[in-house]
């Protein structure tokens, strides 16, 4: 049980719930609310637990709550399924995954990368390391195989001087940082002893204020789709859909960069994919 992370998560989620969403009036006892979200006593009442116990949970002083209490608090705070799973892990009701050998990318996923047509794709692990990619991703973003293994990482690539190669369009500002914060929080709840990931998070938080801000919110709800702007030497500027898919039974995720059929970006990706005509299978880290 990670008492400090559990306390911080409960505070952040409590402050994010609007009283109206919980069926409570905007004023309590005739007084205007001075704090955002719900009060501690309101959460305790909605969850059917004592106020003193819930206060101790938020102060990181309470003993481990039972699964029934965690479920009740999850309902009171109107948590999503992802957030409830995160809360349960923080409370010690799921065995944490410890750092170990790098996960092997399933052969079926490697084969899929080469069958996607004009879709750039790469595979990341829980530490944001890029462990597999297809030829179109290497031609579009960067030559992953030419990078030192330690630099073959989504967050480290974002911190490179040439990061403008892959950025977010203005309307999506902060989306990548929010996504990275959510995925990192979720990964650390599963791997609380992963010092390498914690160091990476600390480093990226210093470099990216938007990430640091989202990290403080304890949001663990990832966005399935983002937008990416690629500045390519030959293709020019391409605004692409960026979708993230989890690989069941692993800590891996597949990131897909694509454009809708009939759009100029799709046609350019298709031409680049045809020019590559790579005979070798997908690269591996």
Protein backbone atom coordinates (compact mmCIF):
# COMPACT_ATOMS: atom_id res chain seq x y z
CA UNK A 1 0.00 0.00 0.00
CA UNK A 2 1.36 3.39 -1.01
CA UNK A 3 -0.20 5.64 1.63
CA UNK A 4 1.17 8.91 0.27
CA UNK A 5 0.10 8.23 -3.31
CA UNK A 6 -3.29 7.00 -2.11
CA UNK A 7 -3.80 10.17 -0.05
CA UNK A 8 -2.78 12.44 -2.91
CA UNK A 9 -5.01 10.61 -5.38
CA UNK A 10 -8.04 10.82 -3.08
CA UNK A 11 -7.53 14.56 -2.53
CA UNK A 12 -7.13 15.23 -6.25
CA UNK A 13 -10.21 13.25 -7.23
CA UNK A 14 -12.33 14.69 -4.39
CA UNK A 15 -11.49 18.22 -5.50
CA UNK A 16 -12.39 17.33 -9.10
CA UNK A 17 -15.97 16.21 -8.32
CA UNK A 18 -18.61 18.90 -8.70
CA UNK A 19 -21.17 18.81 -5.88
CA UNK A 20 -24.03 18.78 -8.41
CA UNK A 21 -22.62 15.61 -9.98
CA UNK A 22 -22.83 13.91 -6.58
CA UNK A 23 -26.39 15.14 -6.02
CA UNK A 24 -25.31 17.78 -3.49
CA UNK A 25 -26.32 21.47 -3.40
CA UNK A 26 -23.75 24.13 -4.42
CA UNK A 27 -24.01 25.53 -0.89
CA UNK A 28 -23.72 23.48 2.27
CA UNK A 29 -25.37 24.59 5.50
CA UNK A 30 -26.22 27.94 3.91
CA UNK A 31 -22.53 28.74 3.42
CA UNK A 32 -20.72 29.11 0.11
CA UNK A 33 -18.10 26.47 -0.56
CA UNK A 34 -14.54 27.64 -0.02
CA UNK A 35 -12.83 24.54 -1.39
CA UNK A 36 -13.13 22.98 -4.84
CA UNK A 37 -15.11 19.81 -5.22
CA UNK A 38 -16.52 17.85 -2.32
CA UNK A 39 -15.74 18.15 1.35
CA UNK A 40 -14.20 15.23 3.20
CA UNK A 41 -17.29 14.73 5.31
CA UNK A 42 -19.42 14.59 2.16
CA UNK A 43 -17.27 11.86 0.65
CA UNK A 44 -17.38 9.91 3.91
CA UNK A 45 -21.17 10.23 4.05
CA UNK A 46 -21.60 9.16 0.42
CA UNK A 47 -19.29 6.18 1.00
CA UNK A 48 -20.90 5.18 4.30
CA UNK A 49 -17.66 5.38 6.32
CA UNK A 50 -16.62 7.53 9.26
CA UNK A 51 -15.35 11.04 8.63
CA UNK A 52 -12.32 10.46 10.86
CA UNK A 53 -11.26 7.38 8.91
CA UNK A 54 -11.58 9.10 5.55
CA UNK A 55 -9.63 12.10 6.88
CA UNK A 56 -6.85 9.77 7.99
CA UNK A 57 -6.80 8.20 4.52
CA UNK A 58 -6.20 11.64 2.99
CA UNK A 59 -3.53 12.30 5.61
CA UNK A 60 -1.73 9.02 4.83
CA UNK A 61 -2.27 7.85 8.42
CA UNK A 62 -4.98 5.19 8.07
CA UNK A 63 -4.54 1.42 7.91
CA UNK A 64 -5.19 -0.27 4.60
CA UNK A 65 -8.84 0.05 3.57
CA UNK A 66 -10.77 -3.08 2.66
CA UNK A 67 -11.85 -3.76 -0.93
CA UNK A 68 -15.41 -2.92 0.15
CA UNK A 69 -14.34 0.50 1.44
CA UNK A 70 -12.33 1.17 -1.71
CA UNK A 71 -15.35 0.28 -3.82
CA UNK A 72 -17.57 2.60 -1.77
CA UNK A 73 -15.11 5.49 -2.05
CA UNK A 74 -14.83 4.87 -5.79
CA UNK A 75 -18.59 5.23 -6.14
CA UNK A 76 -18.66 8.34 -3.94
CA UNK A 77 -15.96 10.00 -6.03
CA UNK A 78 -17.62 8.87 -9.28
CA UNK A 79 -14.41 7.25 -10.48
CA UNK A 80 -14.10 5.66 -13.89
CA UNK A 81 -13.18 1.99 -14.25
CA UNK A 82 -9.55 2.94 -14.92
CA UNK A 83 -9.48 5.20 -11.84
CA UNK A 84 -11.04 2.52 -9.64
CA UNK A 85 -8.41 0.01 -10.72
CA UNK A 86 -5.71 2.59 -9.96
CA UNK A 87 -7.22 3.28 -6.52
CA UNK A 88 -7.32 -0.44 -5.75
CA UNK A 89 -3.65 -0.85 -6.67
CA UNK A 90 -2.64 2.12 -4.50
CA UNK A 91 -4.54 0.56 -1.60
CA UNK A 92 -2.54 -2.65 -2.01
CA UNK A 93 -5.30 -4.85 -3.38
CA UNK A 94 -3.45 -5.86 -6.53
CA UNK A 95 0.03 -7.42 -6.65
CA UNK A 96 2.48 -4.81 -8.00
CA UNK A 97 4.61 -5.69 -10.99
CA UNK A 98 8.29 -5.42 -10.21
CA UNK A 99 10.93 -4.28 -12.69
CA UNK A 100 12.32 -7.21 -14.59
CA UNK A 101 13.56 -8.22 -18.01
CA UNK A 102 12.10 -6.28 -20.89
CA UNK A 103 8.83 -7.68 -22.14
CA UNK A 104 8.96 -9.53 -25.42
CA UNK A 105 6.74 -8.11 -28.13
CA UNK A 106 4.33 -10.87 -29.18
CA UNK A 107 5.12 -12.20 -32.68
CA UNK A 108 1.59 -11.40 -33.78
CA UNK A 109 2.08 -7.74 -32.92
CA UNK A 110 5.38 -7.63 -34.82
CA UNK A 111 3.70 -9.14 -37.86
CA UNK A 112 0.83 -6.67 -37.61
CA UNK A 113 3.19 -3.70 -37.78
CA UNK A 114 4.15 -4.62 -41.33
CA UNK A 115 0.56 -5.14 -42.48
CA UNK A 116 -0.81 -1.71 -41.63
CA UNK A 117 -0.30 -0.07 -45.01
CA UNK A 118 0.12 3.72 -44.79
CA UNK A 119 0.06 3.73 -40.98
CA UNK A 120 3.19 4.49 -38.96
CA UNK A 121 3.32 2.37 -35.82
CA UNK A 122 5.60 1.66 -32.89
CA UNK A 123 5.33 -0.30 -29.65
CA UNK A 124 6.11 1.15 -26.21
CA UNK A 125 6.53 -0.50 -22.83
CA UNK A 126 5.55 0.80 -19.39
CA UNK A 127 8.69 2.98 -19.23
CA UNK A 128 7.81 4.63 -22.57
CA UNK A 129 10.70 2.79 -24.24
CA UNK A 130 10.11 2.13 -27.94
CA UNK A 131 10.69 -1.59 -28.35
CA UNK A 132 9.45 -2.20 -31.91
CA UNK A 133 8.44 -0.13 -34.94
CA UNK A 134 7.63 -0.40 -38.61
CA UNK A 135 9.57 1.13 -41.49
CA UNK A 136 7.06 3.93 -42.03
CA UNK A 137 7.41 5.10 -38.41
CA UNK A 138 11.19 5.21 -38.75
CA UNK A 139 10.95 7.16 -42.01
CA UNK A 140 8.32 9.52 -40.66
CA UNK A 141 9.49 10.28 -37.11
CA UNK A 142 13.14 9.26 -36.71
CA UNK A 143 15.45 6.33 -37.39
CA UNK A 144 14.86 4.53 -34.09
CA UNK A 145 17.45 1.90 -34.88
CA UNK A 146 20.19 4.55 -35.15
CA UNK A 147 19.45 5.88 -31.65
CA UNK A 148 21.27 4.60 -28.54
CA UNK A 149 18.88 2.28 -26.68
CA UNK A 150 18.67 4.69 -23.74
CA UNK A 151 17.39 7.44 -26.07
CA UNK A 152 14.82 5.20 -27.75
CA UNK A 153 12.12 6.52 -25.45
CA UNK A 154 9.02 8.62 -26.13
CA UNK A 155 9.69 11.13 -23.34
CA UNK A 156 13.39 11.42 -24.13
CA UNK A 157 12.57 12.01 -27.80
CA UNK A 158 10.26 14.82 -26.73
CA UNK A 159 13.17 16.43 -24.87
CA UNK A 160 15.56 16.29 -27.83
CA UNK A 161 16.57 19.58 -29.52
CA UNK A 162 14.94 18.36 -32.76
CA UNK A 163 11.66 17.55 -31.00
CA UNK A 164 9.81 19.85 -33.44
CA UNK A 165 9.84 16.91 -35.87
CA UNK A 166 6.88 15.55 -33.89
CA UNK A 167 4.75 17.95 -31.89
CA UNK A 168 1.10 18.78 -31.23
CA UNK A 169 -1.01 21.17 -33.29
CA UNK A 170 -2.06 24.33 -31.37
CA UNK A 171 -5.55 23.02 -30.64
CA UNK A 172 -4.04 19.92 -28.97
CA UNK A 173 -1.56 21.79 -26.76
CA UNK A 174 -0.95 19.83 -23.56
CA UNK A 175 -2.59 16.65 -24.85
CA UNK A 176 0.65 14.68 -25.08
CA UNK A 177 1.76 15.78 -21.62
CA UNK A 178 -1.62 14.82 -20.13
CA UNK A 179 -1.45 11.44 -21.83
CA UNK A 180 2.12 10.86 -20.64
CA UNK A 181 1.19 11.80 -17.07
CA UNK A 182 -1.80 9.44 -17.03
CA UNK A 183 0.15 6.51 -18.45
CA UNK A 184 3.08 7.12 -16.09
CA UNK A 185 0.82 7.28 -13.03
CA UNK A 186 -0.85 4.04 -14.04
CA UNK A 187 2.50 2.35 -14.70
CA UNK A 188 3.94 3.40 -11.35
CA UNK A 189 0.89 2.11 -9.51
CA UNK A 190 1.73 -1.29 -11.03
CA UNK A 191 5.52 -0.91 -10.65
CA UNK A 192 6.05 1.17 -7.48
CA UNK A 193 9.68 0.03 -7.19
CA UNK A 194 10.65 1.06 -10.74
CA UNK A 195 13.31 3.66 -9.98
CA UNK A 196 14.20 4.15 -13.63
CA UNK A 197 10.63 5.19 -14.44
CA UNK A 198 10.49 7.51 -11.43
CA UNK A 199 13.73 9.21 -12.53
CA UNK A 200 12.35 9.63 -16.04
CA UNK A 201 9.13 11.16 -14.68
CA UNK A 202 11.09 13.59 -12.49
CA UNK A 203 13.29 14.60 -15.42
CA UNK A 204 10.38 15.13 -17.77
CA UNK A 205 8.45 17.11 -15.13
CA UNK A 206 11.38 19.53 -14.86
CA UNK A 207 11.54 19.88 -18.64
CA UNK A 208 7.78 20.11 -19.36
CA UNK A 209 5.68 22.35 -17.06
CA UNK A 210 2.48 21.06 -18.70
CA UNK A 211 3.43 17.51 -17.72
CA UNK A 212 4.25 18.61 -14.16
CA UNK A 213 0.84 20.30 -13.90
CA UNK A 214 -1.02 17.23 -15.13
CA UNK A 215 1.08 15.02 -12.84
CA UNK A 216 -0.14 17.02 -9.85
CA UNK A 217 -3.76 16.32 -10.84
CA UNK A 218 -3.30 12.53 -10.45
CA UNK A 219 -5.38 11.91 -13.59
CA UNK A 220 -4.99 8.31 -14.78
CA UNK A 221 -7.52 8.40 -17.62
CA UNK A 222 -5.58 8.14 -20.89
CA UNK A 223 -6.87 9.58 -24.15
CA UNK A 224 -7.36 6.97 -26.85
CA UNK A 225 -6.81 9.50 -29.65
CA UNK A 226 -4.58 12.56 -29.92
CA UNK A 227 -3.40 14.68 -32.82
CA UNK A 228 0.24 14.85 -33.86
CA UNK A 229 1.93 17.34 -36.17
CA UNK A 230 4.86 15.90 -38.10
CA UNK A 231 7.38 18.21 -39.77
CA UNK A 232 8.92 16.00 -42.46
CA UNK A 233 11.75 17.04 -44.74
CA UNK A 234 10.08 15.60 -47.85
CA UNK A 235 6.39 15.45 -47.00
CA UNK A 236 6.08 18.83 -45.31
CA UNK A 237 3.69 19.32 -42.37
CA UNK A 238 1.24 16.50 -41.65
CA UNK A 239 -1.46 16.58 -38.99
CA UNK A 240 -2.15 12.95 -38.05
CA UNK A 241 -4.40 10.98 -35.74
CA UNK A 242 -2.43 9.33 -32.95
CA UNK A 243 -4.18 6.34 -31.43
CA UNK A 244 -2.90 4.19 -28.58
CA UNK A 245 -3.94 0.55 -28.19
CA UNK A 246 -3.07 -1.66 -25.22
CA UNK A 247 -1.69 -5.14 -25.94
CA UNK A 248 -3.80 -7.47 -23.73
CA UNK A 249 -1.92 -9.39 -21.09
CA UNK A 250 1.17 -7.17 -21.28
CA UNK A 251 2.34 -3.71 -20.27
CA UNK A 252 2.85 -2.85 -23.93
CA UNK A 253 0.92 -0.43 -26.09
CA UNK A 254 0.85 0.16 -29.84
CA UNK A 255 0.91 3.77 -31.06
CA UNK A 256 -0.58 4.37 -34.53
CA UNK A 257 -0.06 7.51 -36.64
CA UNK A 258 -2.51 7.74 -39.51
CA UNK A 259 -4.67 10.04 -41.63
CA UNK A 260 -8.17 9.61 -42.99
CA UNK A 261 -8.49 8.15 -46.51
CA UNK A 262 -8.77 10.80 -49.18
CA UNK A 263 -6.88 13.44 -47.22
CA UNK A 264 -3.60 14.94 -48.50
CA UNK A 265 -1.79 13.53 -45.43
CA UNK A 266 -3.05 10.02 -46.18
CA UNK A 267 -1.93 10.25 -49.80
CA UNK A 268 1.55 11.42 -48.77
CA UNK A 269 1.88 8.61 -46.24
CA UNK A 270 0.81 6.11 -48.88
CA UNK A 271 3.43 7.40 -51.33
CA UNK A 272 6.13 7.22 -48.66
CA UNK A 273 5.08 3.70 -47.72
CA UNK A 274 5.27 2.56 -51.34
CA UNK A 275 8.71 4.12 -51.77
CA UNK A 276 10.06 2.31 -48.75
CA UNK A 277 9.06 -1.20 -49.91
CA UNK A 278 11.14 -2.65 -47.08
CA UNK A 279 11.61 -6.43 -47.45
CA UNK A 280 12.91 -7.01 -43.92
CA UNK A 281 10.54 -7.55 -40.95
CA UNK A 282 9.88 -4.93 -38.30
CA UNK A 283 12.85 -3.75 -36.29
CA UNK A 284 13.25 -4.70 -32.66
CA UNK A 285 14.99 -2.95 -29.81
